[in-house]
Amino acid sequence: METIQQSKTKTTNDVIQQLIKELEQESKTTRKMLSIIPADKFDWKPHPKSMDIQKLATHIAELPEWISMTLNTSGLDFATTPYSPVKIGNTTDLLTYFEKTLAEGKARLEKAKDADLSPDWTLRNGEQILNKSSKAEVIRMVYCQIVHHRAQLGVYLRLLNIPIPGSYGPSADDMGTGM
């Protein structure tokens, strides 16, 4: 018969395994999207208020780093830690950077224990609290950010008439239809 502690450990390991599985699944689509960005379009943006493709794609590629940051810290304060993105100039370097951050995030998640997922993590800008959630919830938020910005990138690429690969099934481009 299973003890309460064994049941808790199994449940936590199940949550961690689910997070790892989701990260692996989403990374396949992210990798496909990042790989089709033409380097000569890195400076393109659809609107003056929009990020250019280089900044957007670099942000998508860096987001897996947030898994380690979330598990290793109690929060992030934009007022004391200004955003300083890596400068990427071509698709090969972009994919290399994504694979690096993905490997680091996954490795840290694989080492996580129950106690690592429960504490609160705070995102702030000085005194203004932007979000305060458990570390498990923040990791899920990171995944949502990856998907959100990946979809944004899909719109950019569509506007450039670049065929879009499917995410959770075939895209209209995969099927050869205009849907």
C-alpha atoms as a PDB file:
ATOM      1  CA  MET A   1       0.000   0.000   0.000  1.00  0.00           C
ATOM      2  CA  GLU A   2       1.258   3.467  -0.934  1.00  0.00           C
ATOM      3  CA  THR A   3       2.089   5.893   1.875  1.00  0.00           C
ATOM      4  CA  ILE A   4       0.927   9.523   1.861  1.00  0.00           C
ATOM      5  CA  GLN A   5       4.517  10.682   1.288  1.00  0.00           C
ATOM      6  CA  GLN A   6       4.935   8.285  -1.658  1.00  0.00           C
ATOM      7  CA  SER A   7       1.652   9.535  -3.093  1.00  0.00           C
ATOM      8  CA  LYS A   8       2.755  13.190  -2.714  1.00  0.00           C
ATOM      9  CA  THR A   9       6.115  12.433  -4.345  1.00  0.00           C
ATOM     10  CA  LYS A  10       4.409  10.594  -7.188  1.00  0.00           C
ATOM     11  CA  THR A  11       1.987  13.483  -7.721  1.00  0.00           C
ATOM     12  CA  THR A  12       4.806  16.027  -7.721  1.00  0.00           C
ATOM     13  CA  ASN A  13       6.891  13.930 -10.037  1.00  0.00           C
ATOM     14  CA  ASP A  14       3.830  13.622 -12.251  1.00  0.00           C
ATOM     15  CA  VAL A  15       3.511  17.434 -12.326  1.00  0.00           C
ATOM     16  CA  ILE A  16       7.205  17.852 -13.105  1.00  0.00           C
ATOM     17  CA  GLN A  17       6.995  15.161 -15.780  1.00  0.00           C
ATOM     18  CA  GLN A  18       3.958  16.894 -17.291  1.00  0.00           C
ATOM     19  CA  LEU A  19       5.838  20.201 -17.348  1.00  0.00           C
ATOM     20  CA  ILE A  20       8.819  18.520 -19.034  1.00  0.00           C
ATOM     21  CA  LYS A  21       6.562  16.788 -21.563  1.00  0.00           C
ATOM     22  CA  GLU A  22       4.793  20.052 -22.389  1.00  0.00           C
ATOM     23  CA  LEU A  23       8.117  21.870 -22.751  1.00  0.00           C
ATOM     24  CA  GLU A  24       9.354  19.200 -25.154  1.00  0.00           C
ATOM     25  CA  GLN A  25       6.127  19.267 -27.186  1.00  0.00           C
ATOM     26  CA  GLU A  26       6.002  23.066 -27.442  1.00  0.00           C
ATOM     27  CA  SER A  27       9.707  23.249 -28.298  1.00  0.00           C
ATOM     28  CA  LYS A  28       9.071  21.266 -31.506  1.00  0.00           C
ATOM     29  CA  THR A  29       6.644  23.894 -32.807  1.00  0.00           C
ATOM     30  CA  THR A  30       8.804  26.749 -31.542  1.00  0.00           C
ATOM     31  CA  ARG A  31      11.837  25.307 -33.305  1.00  0.00           C
ATOM     32  CA  LYS A  32       9.866  25.010 -36.583  1.00  0.00           C
ATOM     33  CA  MET A  33       8.705  28.629 -36.344  1.00  0.00           C
ATOM     34  CA  LEU A  34      12.121  30.038 -35.489  1.00  0.00           C
ATOM     35  CA  SER A  35      13.806  28.033 -38.255  1.00  0.00           C
ATOM     36  CA  ILE A  36      11.805  29.653 -41.065  1.00  0.00           C
ATOM     37  CA  ILE A  37      12.610  33.278 -40.266  1.00  0.00           C
ATOM     38  CA  PRO A  38      14.603  34.737 -43.165  1.00  0.00           C
ATOM     39  CA  ALA A  39      17.644  36.603 -41.848  1.00  0.00           C
ATOM     40  CA  ASP A  40      16.976  39.437 -44.304  1.00  0.00           C
ATOM     41  CA  LYS A  41      13.669  40.085 -42.486  1.00  0.00           C
ATOM     42  CA  PHE A  42      15.104  40.408 -38.963  1.00  0.00           C
ATOM     43  CA  ASP A  43      14.542  44.179 -38.992  1.00  0.00           C
ATOM     44  CA  TRP A  44      10.957  43.950 -40.311  1.00  0.00           C
ATOM     45  CA  LYS A  45       7.963  44.826 -38.136  1.00  0.00           C
ATOM     46  CA  PRO A  46       4.295  45.131 -39.056  1.00  0.00           C
ATOM     47  CA  HIS A  47       3.654  48.357 -37.166  1.00  0.00           C
ATOM     48  CA  PRO A  48       5.758  51.147 -35.586  1.00  0.00           C
ATOM     49  CA  LYS A  49       4.681  50.017 -32.085  1.00  0.00           C
ATOM     50  CA  SER A  50       5.548  46.365 -32.777  1.00  0.00           C
ATOM     51  CA  MET A  51       8.834  44.637 -32.009  1.00  0.00           C
ATOM     52  CA  ASP A  52      10.885  43.770 -35.065  1.00  0.00           C
ATOM     53  CA  ILE A  53      11.211  40.079 -35.894  1.00  0.00           C
ATOM     54  CA  GLN A  54      14.720  39.884 -34.416  1.00  0.00           C
ATOM     55  CA  LYS A  55      13.568  41.147 -31.013  1.00  0.00           C
ATOM     56  CA  LEU A  56      10.426  39.024 -31.020  1.00  0.00           C
ATOM     57  CA  ALA A  57      12.242  35.852 -32.073  1.00  0.00           C
ATOM     58  CA  THR A  58      15.045  36.433 -29.567  1.00  0.00           C
ATOM     59  CA  HIS A  59      12.468  36.874 -26.813  1.00  0.00           C
ATOM     60  CA  ILE A  60      10.807  33.593 -27.804  1.00  0.00           C
ATOM     61  CA  ALA A  61      14.206  31.869 -27.840  1.00  0.00           C
ATOM     62  CA  GLU A  62      15.173  33.215 -24.411  1.00  0.00           C
ATOM     63  CA  LEU A  63      11.939  32.357 -22.596  1.00  0.00           C
ATOM     64  CA  PRO A  64      13.006  28.808 -21.586  1.00  0.00           C
ATOM     65  CA  GLU A  65      15.684  30.534 -19.437  1.00  0.00           C
ATOM     66  CA  TRP A  66      12.841  31.771 -17.275  1.00  0.00           C
ATOM     67  CA  ILE A  67      12.306  28.205 -16.010  1.00  0.00           C
ATOM     68  CA  SER A  68      15.717  28.228 -14.309  1.00  0.00           C
ATOM     69  CA  MET A  69      15.316  31.830 -13.186  1.00  0.00           C
ATOM     70  CA  THR A  70      11.943  30.994 -11.650  1.00  0.00           C
ATOM     71  CA  LEU A  71      13.215  27.940  -9.812  1.00  0.00           C
ATOM     72  CA  ASN A  72      16.462  29.618  -8.675  1.00  0.00           C
ATOM     73  CA  THR A  73      15.107  32.982  -7.470  1.00  0.00           C
ATOM     74  CA  SER A  74      12.186  34.475  -5.585  1.00  0.00           C
ATOM     75  CA  GLY A  75      11.374  36.980  -8.314  1.00  0.00           C
ATOM     76  CA  LEU A  76      12.447  39.554 -10.854  1.00  0.00           C
ATOM     77  CA  ASP A  77      12.409  43.322 -10.470  1.00  0.00           C
ATOM     78  CA  PHE A  78      12.587  45.173 -13.775  1.00  0.00           C
ATOM     79  CA  ALA A  79      13.589  48.351 -11.881  1.00  0.00           C
ATOM     80  CA  THR A  80      16.835  46.769 -10.650  1.00  0.00           C
ATOM     81  CA  THR A  81      17.423  44.239 -13.436  1.00  0.00           C
ATOM     82  CA  PRO A  82      16.978  46.010 -16.751  1.00  0.00           C
ATOM     83  CA  TYR A  83      16.151  43.848 -19.750  1.00  0.00           C
ATOM     84  CA  SER A  84      19.230  43.252 -21.858  1.00  0.00           C
ATOM     85  CA  PRO A  85      18.458  40.889 -24.745  1.00  0.00           C
ATOM     86  CA  VAL A  86      21.108  38.946 -26.606  1.00  0.00           C
ATOM     87  CA  LYS A  87      21.764  40.399 -30.067  1.00  0.00           C
ATOM     88  CA  ILE A  88      21.110  37.731 -32.694  1.00  0.00           C
ATOM     89  CA  GLY A  89      21.785  38.415 -36.362  1.00  0.00           C
ATOM     90  CA  ASN A  90      20.849  35.224 -38.178  1.00  0.00           C
ATOM     91  CA  THR A  91      18.583  32.198 -38.009  1.00  0.00           C
ATOM     92  CA  THR A  92      21.379  29.722 -37.215  1.00  0.00           C
ATOM     93  CA  ASP A  93      22.466  31.723 -34.161  1.00  0.00           C
ATOM     94  CA  LEU A  94      18.827  32.126 -33.135  1.00  0.00           C
ATOM     95  CA  LEU A  95      18.274  28.360 -33.179  1.00  0.00           C
ATOM     96  CA  THR A  96      21.545  27.749 -31.326  1.00  0.00           C
ATOM     97  CA  TYR A  97      20.467  30.196 -28.629  1.00  0.00           C
ATOM     98  CA  PHE A  98      17.024  28.581 -28.367  1.00  0.00           C
ATOM     99  CA  GLU A  99      18.547  25.101 -28.012  1.00  0.00           C
ATOM    100  CA  LYS A 100      20.860  26.407 -25.262  1.00  0.00           C
ATOM    101  CA  THR A 101      18.096  28.031 -23.223  1.00  0.00           C
ATOM    102  CA  LEU A 102      15.818  25.040 -23.780  1.00  0.00           C
ATOM    103  CA  ALA A 103      18.475  22.582 -22.547  1.00  0.00           C
ATOM    104  CA  GLU A 104      19.200  24.730 -19.480  1.00  0.00           C
ATOM    105  CA  GLY A 105      15.515  25.155 -18.616  1.00  0.00           C
ATOM    106  CA  LYS A 106      14.769  21.465 -19.073  1.00  0.00           C
ATOM    107  CA  ALA A 107      17.818  20.390 -17.042  1.00  0.00           C
ATOM    108  CA  ARG A 108      16.776  22.630 -14.147  1.00  0.00           C
ATOM    109  CA  LEU A 109      13.196  21.394 -14.310  1.00  0.00           C
ATOM    110  CA  GLU A 110      14.410  17.789 -14.231  1.00  0.00           C
ATOM    111  CA  LYS A 111      16.184  18.552 -10.934  1.00  0.00           C
ATOM    112  CA  ALA A 112      13.105  20.185  -9.394  1.00  0.00           C
ATOM    113  CA  LYS A 113      11.472  18.772  -6.298  1.00  0.00           C
ATOM    114  CA  ASP A 114       8.051  19.370  -4.771  1.00  0.00           C
ATOM    115  CA  ALA A 115       9.404  22.082  -2.508  1.00  0.00           C
ATOM    116  CA  ASP A 116      10.757  23.973  -5.535  1.00  0.00           C
ATOM    117  CA  LEU A 117       7.336  24.387  -7.158  1.00  0.00           C
ATOM    118  CA  SER A 118       5.346  25.737  -4.211  1.00  0.00           C
ATOM    119  CA  PRO A 119       6.973  29.026  -3.117  1.00  0.00           C
ATOM    120  CA  ASP A 120       5.708  32.305  -4.502  1.00  0.00           C
ATOM    121  CA  TRP A 121       7.650  34.111  -7.198  1.00  0.00           C
ATOM    122  CA  THR A 122       7.117  37.840  -7.739  1.00  0.00           C
ATOM    123  CA  LEU A 123       7.457  39.839 -10.939  1.00  0.00           C
ATOM    124  CA  ARG A 124       7.685  43.546 -10.200  1.00  0.00           C
ATOM    125  CA  ASN A 125       8.766  46.907 -11.424  1.00  0.00           C
ATOM    126  CA  GLY A 126       9.996  48.584  -8.259  1.00  0.00           C
ATOM    127  CA  GLU A 127       7.080  48.832  -5.836  1.00  0.00           C
ATOM    128  CA  GLN A 128       4.538  47.819  -8.478  1.00  0.00           C
ATOM    129  CA  ILE A 129       3.817  44.088  -8.297  1.00  0.00           C
ATOM    130  CA  LEU A 130       2.977  42.790 -11.765  1.00  0.00           C
ATOM    131  CA  ASN A 131       2.419  39.163 -10.776  1.00  0.00           C
ATOM    132  CA  LYS A 132       2.779  37.017  -7.681  1.00  0.00           C
ATOM    133  CA  SER A 133       2.203  33.299  -8.189  1.00  0.00           C
ATOM    134  CA  SER A 134       3.614  29.956  -7.161  1.00  0.00           C
ATOM    135  CA  LYS A 135       6.704  28.902  -9.081  1.00  0.00           C
ATOM    136  CA  ALA A 136       4.672  26.129 -10.722  1.00  0.00           C
ATOM    137  CA  GLU A 137       2.179  28.735 -11.971  1.00  0.00           C
ATOM    138  CA  VAL A 138       4.998  30.965 -13.226  1.00  0.00           C
ATOM    139  CA  ILE A 139       6.487  28.091 -15.221  1.00  0.00           C
ATOM    140  CA  ARG A 140       3.076  27.576 -16.841  1.00  0.00           C
ATOM    141  CA  MET A 141       2.949  31.336 -17.519  1.00  0.00           C
ATOM    142  CA  VAL A 142       6.339  31.029 -19.262  1.00  0.00           C
ATOM    143  CA  TYR A 143       4.904  28.336 -21.509  1.00  0.00           C
ATOM    144  CA  CYS A 144       1.910  30.551 -22.257  1.00  0.00           C
ATOM    145  CA  GLN A 145       4.268  33.405 -23.133  1.00  0.00           C
ATOM    146  CA  ILE A 146       6.164  31.161 -25.552  1.00  0.00           C
ATOM    147  CA  VAL A 147       2.924  30.146 -27.280  1.00  0.00           C
ATOM    148  CA  HIS A 148       1.606  33.721 -27.295  1.00  0.00           C
ATOM    149  CA  HIS A 149       4.726  35.213 -28.842  1.00  0.00           C
ATOM    150  CA  ARG A 150       5.086  32.278 -31.232  1.00  0.00           C
ATOM    151  CA  ALA A 151       1.575  33.016 -32.519  1.00  0.00           C
ATOM    152  CA  GLN A 152       2.541  36.669 -32.840  1.00  0.00           C
ATOM    153  CA  LEU A 153       5.540  35.564 -34.905  1.00  0.00           C
ATOM    154  CA  GLY A 154       3.193  33.486 -37.057  1.00  0.00           C
ATOM    155  CA  VAL A 155       1.226  36.620 -37.910  1.00  0.00           C
ATOM    156  CA  TYR A 156       4.448  38.437 -38.813  1.00  0.00           C
ATOM    157  CA  LEU A 157       5.499  35.581 -41.090  1.00  0.00           C
ATOM    158  CA  ARG A 158       2.040  35.332 -42.659  1.00  0.00           C
ATOM    159  CA  LEU A 159       2.176  39.058 -43.469  1.00  0.00           C
ATOM    160  CA  LEU A 160       5.510  38.393 -45.188  1.00  0.00           C
ATOM    161  CA  ASN A 161       3.846  35.585 -47.173  1.00  0.00           C
ATOM    162  CA  ILE A 162       6.029  32.923 -45.578  1.00  0.00           C
ATOM    163  CA  PRO A 163       4.271  29.538 -45.290  1.00  0.00           C
ATOM    164  CA  ILE A 164       3.453  28.697 -41.680  1.00  0.00           C
ATOM    165  CA  PRO A 165       4.115  25.200 -40.306  1.00  0.00           C
ATOM    166  CA  GLY A 166       1.394  23.489 -38.299  1.00  0.00           C
ATOM    167  CA  SER A 167       1.397  23.712 -34.527  1.00  0.00           C
ATOM    168  CA  TYR A 168      -1.027  21.082 -33.221  1.00  0.00           C
ATOM    169  CA  GLY A 169      -1.941  19.698 -36.610  1.00  0.00           C
ATOM    170  CA  PRO A 170      -1.415  20.746 -40.199  1.00  0.00           C
ATOM    171  CA  SER A 171      -1.639  24.415 -41.146  1.00  0.00           C
ATOM    172  CA  ALA A 172      -3.432  25.685 -44.233  1.00  0.00           C
ATOM    173  CA  ASP A 173       0.021  25.866 -45.840  1.00  0.00           C
ATOM    174  CA  ASP A 174       0.766  22.236 -44.916  1.00  0.00           C
ATOM    175  CA  MET A 175      -2.503  21.178 -46.497  1.00  0.00           C
ATOM    176  CA  GLY A 176      -2.041  23.346 -49.576  1.00  0.00           C
ATOM    177  CA  THR A 177      -5.290  25.178 -48.956  1.00  0.00           C
ATOM    178  CA  GLY A 178      -6.113  28.812 -48.534  1.00  0.00           C
ATOM    179  CA  MET A 179      -8.682  28.097 -45.786  1.00  0.00           C
END
